[in-house]
Amino acid sequence: VEINFSPDQPGRQGHMTCFGFGVKIQRLLYEQSPS
């Protein structure tokens, strides 16, 4: 799972919210790590 965050309001520094995420199934072929 990969998540993208951006500042949720201009001027409110440090507070971020998710604007998109993906379940990257292709990584299961590339990465054999349990993590």
PDB file of all heavy atoms in Angstrom:
ATOM      1  N   VAL A   1       0.850  -1.196   0.000  1.00  0.00           N
ATOM      2  CA  VAL A   1       0.000   0.000   0.000  1.00  0.00           C
ATOM      3  C   VAL A   1       0.884   1.244   0.000  1.00  0.00           C
ATOM      4  O   VAL A   1       1.828   1.344   0.786  1.00  0.00           O
ATOM      5  CB  VAL A   1      -0.936   0.023   1.231  1.00  0.00           C
ATOM      6  CG1 VAL A   1      -1.814   1.264   1.221  1.00  0.00           C
ATOM      7  CG2 VAL A   1      -1.793  -1.238   1.275  1.00  0.00           C
ATOM      8  N   GLU A   2       0.559   2.164  -0.889  1.00  0.00           N
ATOM      9  CA  GLU A   2       1.299   3.428  -0.985  1.00  0.00           C
ATOM     10  C   GLU A   2       0.293   4.570  -0.907  1.00  0.00           C
ATOM     11  O   GLU A   2      -0.701   4.569  -1.627  1.00  0.00           O
ATOM     12  CB  GLU A   2       2.050   3.469  -2.303  1.00  0.00           C
ATOM     13  CG  GLU A   2       2.937   4.668  -2.465  1.00  0.00           C
ATOM     14  CD  GLU A   2       3.718   4.610  -3.755  1.00  0.00           C
ATOM     15  OE1 GLU A   2       4.696   3.845  -3.829  1.00  0.00           O
ATOM     16  OE2 GLU A   2       3.332   5.321  -4.693  1.00  0.00           O
ATOM     17  N   ILE A   3       0.547   5.529   0.004  1.00  0.00           N
ATOM     18  CA  ILE A   3      -0.403   6.615   0.260  1.00  0.00           C
ATOM     19  C   ILE A   3       0.255   7.946  -0.053  1.00  0.00           C
ATOM     20  O   ILE A   3       1.430   8.157   0.249  1.00  0.00           O
ATOM     21  CB  ILE A   3      -0.856   6.604   1.740  1.00  0.00           C
ATOM     22  CG1 ILE A   3      -1.391   5.220   2.121  1.00  0.00           C
ATOM     23  CG2 ILE A   3      -1.910   7.654   2.004  1.00  0.00           C
ATOM     24  CD1 ILE A   3      -0.616   4.580   3.204  1.00  0.00           C
ATOM     25  N   ASN A   4      -0.526   8.863  -0.628  1.00  0.00           N
ATOM     26  CA  ASN A   4      -0.053  10.212  -0.935  1.00  0.00           C
ATOM     27  C   ASN A   4      -0.810  11.224  -0.095  1.00  0.00           C
ATOM     28  O   ASN A   4      -2.042  11.182  -0.027  1.00  0.00           O
ATOM     29  CB  ASN A   4      -0.269  10.517  -2.428  1.00  0.00           C
ATOM     30  CG  ASN A   4       0.561   9.595  -3.286  1.00  0.00           C
ATOM     31  OD1 ASN A   4       1.767   9.705  -3.340  1.00  0.00           O
ATOM     32  ND2 ASN A   4      -0.093   8.655  -3.945  1.00  0.00           N
ATOM     33  N   PHE A   5      -0.053  12.145   0.526  1.00  0.00           N
ATOM     34  CA  PHE A   5      -0.621  13.164   1.390  1.00  0.00           C
ATOM     35  C   PHE A   5      -0.231  14.547   0.898  1.00  0.00           C
ATOM     36  O   PHE A   5       0.854  14.727   0.335  1.00  0.00           O
ATOM     37  CB  PHE A   5      -0.092  13.027   2.828  1.00  0.00           C
ATOM     38  CG  PHE A   5      -0.402  11.717   3.480  1.00  0.00           C
ATOM     39  CD1 PHE A   5       0.520  10.685   3.472  1.00  0.00           C
ATOM     40  CD2 PHE A   5      -1.613  11.512   4.123  1.00  0.00           C
ATOM     41  CE1 PHE A   5       0.247   9.471   4.087  1.00  0.00           C
ATOM     42  CE2 PHE A   5      -1.898  10.298   4.732  1.00  0.00           C
ATOM     43  CZ  PHE A   5      -0.960   9.278   4.721  1.00  0.00           C
ATOM     44  N   SER A   6      -1.106  15.497   1.145  1.00  0.00           N
ATOM     45  CA  SER A   6      -0.803  16.901   0.869  1.00  0.00           C
ATOM     46  C   SER A   6      -1.331  17.727   2.036  1.00  0.00           C
ATOM     47  O   SER A   6      -2.178  17.254   2.807  1.00  0.00           O
ATOM     48  CB  SER A   6      -1.464  17.347  -0.444  1.00  0.00           C
ATOM     49  OG  SER A   6      -2.870  17.341  -0.314  1.00  0.00           O
ATOM     50  N   PRO A   7      -0.825  18.967   2.160  1.00  0.00           N
ATOM     51  CA  PRO A   7      -1.367  19.833   3.208  1.00  0.00           C
ATOM     52  C   PRO A   7      -2.869  19.989   2.996  1.00  0.00           C
ATOM     53  O   PRO A   7      -3.324  20.187   1.871  1.00  0.00           O
ATOM     54  CB  PRO A   7      -0.641  21.156   3.001  1.00  0.00           C
ATOM     55  CG  PRO A   7       0.598  20.797   2.246  1.00  0.00           C
ATOM     56  CD  PRO A   7       0.228  19.620   1.387  1.00  0.00           C
ATOM     57  N   ASP A   8      -3.642  19.855   4.086  1.00  0.00           N
ATOM     58  CA  ASP A   8      -5.095  19.887   3.911  1.00  0.00           C
ATOM     59  C   ASP A   8      -5.642  21.293   3.757  1.00  0.00           C
ATOM     60  O   ASP A   8      -6.686  21.478   3.156  1.00  0.00           O
ATOM     61  CB  ASP A   8      -5.819  19.132   5.019  1.00  0.00           C
ATOM     62  CG  ASP A   8      -5.663  19.772   6.385  1.00  0.00           C
ATOM     63  OD1 ASP A   8      -4.804  20.643   6.551  1.00  0.00           O
ATOM     64  OD2 ASP A   8      -6.420  19.387   7.291  1.00  0.00           O
ATOM     65  N   GLN A   9      -4.945  22.290   4.298  1.00  0.00           N
ATOM     66  CA  GLN A   9      -5.386  23.678   4.146  1.00  0.00           C
ATOM     67  C   GLN A   9      -4.159  24.560   4.019  1.00  0.00           C
ATOM     68  O   GLN A   9      -3.209  24.409   4.776  1.00  0.00           O
ATOM     69  CB  GLN A   9      -6.204  24.131   5.356  1.00  0.00           C
ATOM     70  CG  GLN A   9      -7.487  23.388   5.537  1.00  0.00           C
ATOM     71  CD  GLN A   9      -8.203  23.813   6.814  1.00  0.00           C
ATOM     72  OE1 GLN A   9      -7.798  24.728   7.501  1.00  0.00           O
ATOM     73  NE2 GLN A   9      -9.282  23.123   7.119  1.00  0.00           N
ATOM     74  N   PRO A  10      -4.181  25.509   3.079  1.00  0.00           N
ATOM     75  CA  PRO A  10      -3.051  26.428   2.975  1.00  0.00           C
ATOM     76  C   PRO A  10      -2.868  27.177   4.294  1.00  0.00           C
ATOM     77  O   PRO A  10      -3.833  27.580   4.935  1.00  0.00           O
ATOM     78  CB  PRO A  10      -3.467  27.386   1.855  1.00  0.00           C
ATOM     79  CG  PRO A  10      -4.537  26.667   1.107  1.00  0.00           C
ATOM     80  CD  PRO A  10      -5.204  25.752   2.086  1.00  0.00           C
ATOM     81  N   GLY A  11      -1.640  27.297   4.720  1.00  0.00           N
ATOM     82  CA  GLY A  11      -1.342  28.031   5.933  1.00  0.00           C
ATOM     83  C   GLY A  11      -1.410  27.195   7.196  1.00  0.00           C
ATOM     84  O   GLY A  11      -1.002  27.635   8.258  1.00  0.00           O
ATOM     85  N   ARG A  12      -1.919  25.985   7.104  1.00  0.00           N
ATOM     86  CA  ARG A  12      -1.985  25.109   8.272  1.00  0.00           C
ATOM     87  C   ARG A  12      -0.836  24.109   8.175  1.00  0.00           C
ATOM     88  O   ARG A  12      -1.005  22.963   7.802  1.00  0.00           O
ATOM     89  CB  ARG A  12      -3.325  24.397   8.318  1.00  0.00           C
ATOM     90  CG  ARG A  12      -3.561  23.693   9.617  1.00  0.00           C
ATOM     91  CD  ARG A  12      -4.976  23.173   9.685  1.00  0.00           C
ATOM     92  NE  ARG A  12      -5.082  22.284  10.837  1.00  0.00           N
ATOM     93  CZ  ARG A  12      -6.040  21.420  10.990  1.00  0.00           C
ATOM     94  NH1 ARG A  12      -6.998  21.320  10.101  1.00  0.00           N
ATOM     95  NH2 ARG A  12      -6.077  20.652  12.054  1.00  0.00           N
ATOM     96  N   GLN A  13       0.337  24.580   8.510  1.00  0.00           N
ATOM     97  CA  GLN A  13       1.567  23.826   8.301  1.00  0.00           C
ATOM     98  C   GLN A  13       1.604  22.551   9.141  1.00  0.00           C
ATOM     99  O   GLN A  13       1.212  22.541  10.298  1.00  0.00           O
ATOM    100  CB  GLN A  13       2.767  24.703   8.648  1.00  0.00           C
ATOM    101  CG  GLN A  13       4.053  24.101   8.171  1.00  0.00           C
ATOM    102  CD  GLN A  13       5.107  25.152   8.008  1.00  0.00           C
ATOM    103  OE1 GLN A  13       4.822  26.309   7.795  1.00  0.00           O
ATOM    104  NE2 GLN A  13       6.343  24.732   8.106  1.00  0.00           N
ATOM    105  N   GLY A  14       2.075  21.495   8.532  1.00  0.00           N
ATOM    106  CA  GLY A  14       2.274  20.239   9.232  1.00  0.00           C
ATOM    107  C   GLY A  14       1.084  19.296   9.218  1.00  0.00           C
ATOM    108  O   GLY A  14       1.240  18.114   9.457  1.00  0.00           O
ATOM    109  N   HIS A  15      -0.111  19.764   8.959  1.00  0.00           N
ATOM    110  CA  HIS A  15      -1.268  18.872   8.945  1.00  0.00           C
ATOM    111  C   HIS A  15      -1.540  18.441   7.511  1.00  0.00           C
ATOM    112  O   HIS A  15      -1.774  19.268   6.646  1.00  0.00           O
ATOM    113  CB  HIS A  15      -2.502  19.558   9.551  1.00  0.00           C
ATOM    114  CG  HIS A  15      -3.585  18.588   9.855  1.00  0.00           C
ATOM    115  ND1 HIS A  15      -4.612  18.331   8.981  1.00  0.00           N
ATOM    116  CD2 HIS A  15      -3.779  17.766  10.919  1.00  0.00           C
ATOM    117  CE1 HIS A  15      -5.401  17.407   9.500  1.00  0.00           C
ATOM    118  NE2 HIS A  15      -4.919  17.054  10.670  1.00  0.00           N
ATOM    119  N   MET A  16      -1.511  17.128   7.290  1.00  0.00           N
ATOM    120  CA  MET A  16      -1.673  16.593   5.940  1.00  0.00           C
ATOM    121  C   MET A  16      -2.818  15.589   5.903  1.00  0.00           C
ATOM    122  O   MET A  16      -3.138  14.959   6.905  1.00  0.00           O
ATOM    123  CB  MET A  16      -0.377  15.928   5.482  1.00  0.00           C
ATOM    124  CG  MET A  16       0.828  16.864   5.523  1.00  0.00           C
ATOM    125  SD  MET A  16       2.277  16.107   4.800  1.00  0.00           S
ATOM    126  CE  MET A  16       2.121  16.749   3.143  1.00  0.00           C
ATOM    127  N   THR A  17      -3.407  15.444   4.710  1.00  0.00           N
ATOM    128  CA  THR A  17      -4.451  14.449   4.504  1.00  0.00           C
ATOM    129  C   THR A  17      -4.188  13.675   3.217  1.00  0.00           C
ATOM    130  O   THR A  17      -3.535  14.167   2.292  1.00  0.00           O
ATOM    131  CB  THR A  17      -5.853  15.089   4.436  1.00  0.00           C
ATOM    132  OG1 THR A  17      -5.869  16.067   3.408  1.00  0.00           O
ATOM    133  CG2 THR A  17      -6.237  15.728   5.759  1.00  0.00           C
ATOM    134  N   CYS A  18      -4.737  12.493   3.155  1.00  0.00           N
ATOM    135  CA  CYS A  18      -4.572  11.611   2.000  1.00  0.00           C
ATOM    136  C   CYS A  18      -5.392  12.133   0.822  1.00  0.00           C
ATOM    137  O   CYS A  18      -6.588  12.364   0.946  1.00  0.00           O
ATOM    138  CB  CYS A  18      -5.034  10.212   2.384  1.00  0.00           C
ATOM    139  SG  CYS A  18      -5.127   9.060   0.999  1.00  0.00           S
ATOM    140  N   PHE A  19      -4.723  12.293  -0.316  1.00  0.00           N
ATOM    141  CA  PHE A  19      -5.443  12.671  -1.533  1.00  0.00           C
ATOM    142  C   PHE A  19      -5.452  11.537  -2.553  1.00  0.00           C
ATOM    143  O   PHE A  19      -6.077  11.635  -3.604  1.00  0.00           O
ATOM    144  CB  PHE A  19      -4.876  13.952  -2.164  1.00  0.00           C
ATOM    145  CG  PHE A  19      -3.497  13.813  -2.745  1.00  0.00           C
ATOM    146  CD1 PHE A  19      -3.306  13.395  -4.051  1.00  0.00           C
ATOM    147  CD2 PHE A  19      -2.384  14.127  -1.985  1.00  0.00           C
ATOM    148  CE1 PHE A  19      -2.035  13.283  -4.603  1.00  0.00           C
ATOM    149  CE2 PHE A  19      -1.097  14.028  -2.530  1.00  0.00           C
ATOM    150  CZ  PHE A  19      -0.928  13.600  -3.822  1.00  0.00           C
ATOM    151  N   GLY A  20      -4.801  10.432  -2.229  1.00  0.00           N
ATOM    152  CA  GLY A  20      -4.807   9.274  -3.111  1.00  0.00           C
ATOM    153  C   GLY A  20      -3.968   8.157  -2.525  1.00  0.00           C
ATOM    154  O   GLY A  20      -3.025   8.407  -1.771  1.00  0.00           O
ATOM    155  N   PHE A  21      -4.337   6.925  -2.860  1.00  0.00           N
ATOM    156  CA  PHE A  21      -3.538   5.786  -2.415  1.00  0.00           C
ATOM    157  C   PHE A  21      -3.687   4.659  -3.431  1.00  0.00           C
ATOM    158  O   PHE A  21      -4.611   4.662  -4.246  1.00  0.00           O
ATOM    159  CB  PHE A  21      -3.927   5.320  -1.007  1.00  0.00           C
ATOM    160  CG  PHE A  21      -5.286   4.707  -0.894  1.00  0.00           C
ATOM    161  CD1 PHE A  21      -5.462   3.334  -1.030  1.00  0.00           C
ATOM    162  CD2 PHE A  21      -6.399   5.494  -0.647  1.00  0.00           C
ATOM    163  CE1 PHE A  21      -6.723   2.777  -0.920  1.00  0.00           C
ATOM    164  CE2 PHE A  21      -7.657   4.939  -0.534  1.00  0.00           C
ATOM    165  CZ  PHE A  21      -7.822   3.572  -0.676  1.00  0.00           C
ATOM    166  N   GLY A  22      -2.755   3.742  -3.362  1.00  0.00           N
ATOM    167  CA  GLY A  22      -2.810   2.613  -4.278  1.00  0.00           C
ATOM    168  C   GLY A  22      -2.387   1.329  -3.601  1.00  0.00           C
ATOM    169  O   GLY A  22      -1.567   1.329  -2.681  1.00  0.00           O
ATOM    170  N   VAL A  23      -2.993   0.247  -4.056  1.00  0.00           N
ATOM    171  CA  VAL A  23      -2.586  -1.090  -3.654  1.00  0.00           C
ATOM    172  C   VAL A  23      -1.762  -1.607  -4.825  1.00  0.00           C
ATOM    173  O   VAL A  23      -2.292  -1.852  -5.909  1.00  0.00           O
ATOM    174  CB  VAL A  23      -3.810  -1.979  -3.357  1.00  0.00           C
ATOM    175  CG1 VAL A  23      -3.370  -3.384  -2.997  1.00  0.00           C
ATOM    176  CG2 VAL A  23      -4.647  -1.363  -2.236  1.00  0.00           C
ATOM    177  N   LYS A  24      -0.457  -1.707  -4.612  1.00  0.00           N
ATOM    178  CA  LYS A  24       0.515  -1.992  -5.670  1.00  0.00           C
ATOM    179  C   LYS A  24       0.806  -3.494  -5.757  1.00  0.00           C
ATOM    180  O   LYS A  24       1.834  -3.989  -5.317  1.00  0.00           O
ATOM    181  CB  LYS A  24       1.797  -1.200  -5.420  1.00  0.00           C
ATOM    182  CG  LYS A  24       1.565   0.296  -5.209  1.00  0.00           C
ATOM    183  CD  LYS A  24       0.894   0.926  -6.400  1.00  0.00           C
ATOM    184  CE  LYS A  24       0.750   2.431  -6.245  1.00  0.00           C
ATOM    185  NZ  LYS A  24       0.091   3.057  -7.351  1.00  0.00           N
ATOM    186  N   ILE A  25      -0.125  -4.221  -6.347  1.00  0.00           N
ATOM    187  CA  ILE A  25      -0.057  -5.676  -6.411  1.00  0.00           C
ATOM    188  C   ILE A  25       1.199  -6.148  -7.141  1.00  0.00           C
ATOM    189  O   ILE A  25       1.772  -7.179  -6.799  1.00  0.00           O
ATOM    190  CB  ILE A  25      -1.341  -6.234  -7.055  1.00  0.00           C
ATOM    191  CG1 ILE A  25      -2.547  -5.817  -6.209  1.00  0.00           C
ATOM    192  CG2 ILE A  25      -1.276  -7.749  -7.212  1.00  0.00           C
ATOM    193  CD1 ILE A  25      -3.883  -5.985  -6.883  1.00  0.00           C
ATOM    194  N   GLN A  26       1.664  -5.376  -8.113  1.00  0.00           N
ATOM    195  CA  GLN A  26       2.852  -5.778  -8.873  1.00  0.00           C
ATOM    196  C   GLN A  26       4.062  -5.963  -7.973  1.00  0.00           C
ATOM    197  O   GLN A  26       4.971  -6.724  -8.283  1.00  0.00           O
ATOM    198  CB  GLN A  26       3.154  -4.768  -9.994  1.00  0.00           C
ATOM    199  CG  GLN A  26       3.923  -3.538  -9.588  1.00  0.00           C
ATOM    200  CD  GLN A  26       3.076  -2.414  -9.007  1.00  0.00           C
ATOM    201  OE1 GLN A  26       1.908  -2.584  -8.735  1.00  0.00           O
ATOM    202  NE2 GLN A  26       3.679  -1.259  -8.810  1.00  0.00           N
ATOM    203  N   ARG A  27       4.085  -5.289  -6.840  1.00  0.00           N
ATOM    204  CA  ARG A  27       5.228  -5.401  -5.926  1.00  0.00           C
ATOM    205  C   ARG A  27       5.342  -6.794  -5.308  1.00  0.00           C
ATOM    206  O   ARG A  27       6.411  -7.162  -4.845  1.00  0.00           O
ATOM    207  CB  ARG A  27       5.122  -4.356  -4.824  1.00  0.00           C
ATOM    208  CG  ARG A  27       5.321  -2.958  -5.332  1.00  0.00           C
ATOM    209  CD  ARG A  27       5.243  -1.965  -4.216  1.00  0.00           C
ATOM    210  NE  ARG A  27       5.507  -0.616  -4.725  1.00  0.00           N
ATOM    211  CZ  ARG A  27       5.379   0.469  -3.987  1.00  0.00           C
ATOM    212  NH1 ARG A  27       5.001   0.387  -2.724  1.00  0.00           N
ATOM    213  NH2 ARG A  27       5.633   1.657  -4.511  1.00  0.00           N
ATOM    214  N   LEU A  28       4.270  -7.535  -5.295  1.00  0.00           N
ATOM    215  CA  LEU A  28       4.326  -8.876  -4.724  1.00  0.00           C
ATOM    216  C   LEU A  28       5.199  -9.805  -5.563  1.00  0.00           C
ATOM    217  O   LEU A  28       5.732 -10.779  -5.047  1.00  0.00           O
ATOM    218  CB  LEU A  28       2.920  -9.454  -4.554  1.00  0.00           C
ATOM    219  CG  LEU A  28       2.042  -8.682  -3.560  1.00  0.00           C
ATOM    220  CD1 LEU A  28       0.612  -9.219  -3.577  1.00  0.00           C
ATOM    221  CD2 LEU A  28       2.626  -8.708  -2.172  1.00  0.00           C
ATOM    222  N   LEU A  29       5.374  -9.505  -6.842  1.00  0.00           N
ATOM    223  CA  LEU A  29       6.311 -10.262  -7.679  1.00  0.00           C
ATOM    224  C   LEU A  29       7.744  -9.819  -7.448  1.00  0.00           C
ATOM    225  O   LEU A  29       8.669 -10.616  -7.489  1.00  0.00           O
ATOM    226  CB  LEU A  29       5.971 -10.086  -9.163  1.00  0.00           C
ATOM    227  CG  LEU A  29       4.948 -11.026  -9.746  1.00  0.00           C
ATOM    228  CD1 LEU A  29       4.656 -10.667 -11.192  1.00  0.00           C
ATOM    229  CD2 LEU A  29       5.380 -12.471  -9.657  1.00  0.00           C
ATOM    230  N   TYR A  30       7.933  -8.523  -7.222  1.00  0.00           N
ATOM    231  CA  TYR A  30       9.279  -7.954  -7.091  1.00  0.00           C
ATOM    232  C   TYR A  30       9.866  -8.139  -5.702  1.00  0.00           C
ATOM    233  O   TYR A  30      11.042  -8.375  -5.536  1.00  0.00           O
ATOM    234  CB  TYR A  30       9.265  -6.451  -7.386  1.00  0.00           C
ATOM    235  CG  TYR A  30       8.788  -6.086  -8.760  1.00  0.00           C
ATOM    236  CD1 TYR A  30       7.899  -5.053  -8.928  1.00  0.00           C
ATOM    237  CD2 TYR A  30       9.232  -6.756  -9.882  1.00  0.00           C
ATOM    238  CE1 TYR A  30       7.455  -4.686 -10.195  1.00  0.00           C
ATOM    239  CE2 TYR A  30       8.793  -6.407 -11.145  1.00  0.00           C
ATOM    240  CZ  TYR A  30       7.913  -5.371 -11.294  1.00  0.00           C
ATOM    241  OH  TYR A  30       7.473  -5.017 -12.535  1.00  0.00           O
ATOM    242  N   GLU A  31       9.053  -7.963  -4.674  1.00  0.00           N
ATOM    243  CA  GLU A  31       9.544  -7.948  -3.304  1.00  0.00           C
ATOM    244  C   GLU A  31       9.064  -9.206  -2.594  1.00  0.00           C
ATOM    245  O   GLU A  31       7.877  -9.383  -2.380  1.00  0.00           O
ATOM    246  CB  GLU A  31       9.028  -6.697  -2.582  1.00  0.00           C
ATOM    247  CG  GLU A  31       9.491  -5.421  -3.252  1.00  0.00           C
ATOM    248  CD  GLU A  31       8.852  -4.178  -2.648  1.00  0.00           C
ATOM    249  OE1 GLU A  31       8.407  -4.222  -1.491  1.00  0.00           O
ATOM    250  OE2 GLU A  31       8.817  -3.166  -3.354  1.00  0.00           O
ATOM    251  N   GLN A  32       9.996 -10.032  -2.206  1.00  0.00           N
ATOM    252  CA  GLN A  32       9.653 -11.290  -1.556  1.00  0.00           C
ATOM    253  C   GLN A  32       9.724 -11.176  -0.027  1.00  0.00           C
ATOM    254  O   GLN A  32       9.584 -12.151   0.679  1.00  0.00           O
ATOM    255  CB  GLN A  32      10.599 -12.390  -2.043  1.00  0.00           C
ATOM    256  CG  GLN A  32      10.543 -12.603  -3.539  1.00  0.00           C
ATOM    257  CD  GLN A  32       9.168 -12.996  -4.029  1.00  0.00           C
ATOM    258  OE1 GLN A  32       8.478 -13.775  -3.400  1.00  0.00           O
ATOM    259  NE2 GLN A  32       8.754 -12.440  -5.156  1.00  0.00           N
ATOM    260  N   SER A  33       9.914  -9.970   0.494  1.00  0.00           N
ATOM    261  CA  SER A  33      10.026  -9.757   1.927  1.00  0.00           C
ATOM    262  C   SER A  33       8.669  -9.906   2.606  1.00  0.00           C
ATOM    263  O   SER A  33       7.648  -9.471   2.075  1.00  0.00           O
ATOM    264  CB  SER A  33      10.567  -8.338   2.160  1.00  0.00           C
ATOM    265  OG  SER A  33      10.389  -7.967   3.498  1.00  0.00           O
ATOM    266  N   PRO A  34       8.638 -10.495   3.816  1.00  0.00           N
ATOM    267  CA  PRO A  34       7.374 -10.581   4.552  1.00  0.00           C
ATOM    268  C   PRO A  34       6.802  -9.201   4.872  1.00  0.00           C
ATOM    269  O   PRO A  34       5.598  -9.063   5.074  1.00  0.00           O
ATOM    270  CB  PRO A  34       7.756 -11.323   5.839  1.00  0.00           C
ATOM    271  CG  PRO A  34       9.058 -11.957   5.581  1.00  0.00           C
ATOM    272  CD  PRO A  34       9.727 -11.164   4.501  1.00  0.00           C
ATOM    273  N   SER A  35       7.627  -8.175   4.904  1.00  0.00           N
ATOM    274  CA  SER A  35       7.144  -6.830   5.235  1.00  0.00           C
ATOM    275  C   SER A  35       6.443  -6.152   4.057  1.00  0.00           C
ATOM    276  O   SER A  35       5.895  -5.070   4.211  1.00  0.00           O
ATOM    277  CB  SER A  35       8.302  -5.954   5.725  1.00  0.00           C
ATOM    278  OG  SER A  35       9.231  -5.747   4.676  1.00  0.00           O
TER     279      SER A  35
END
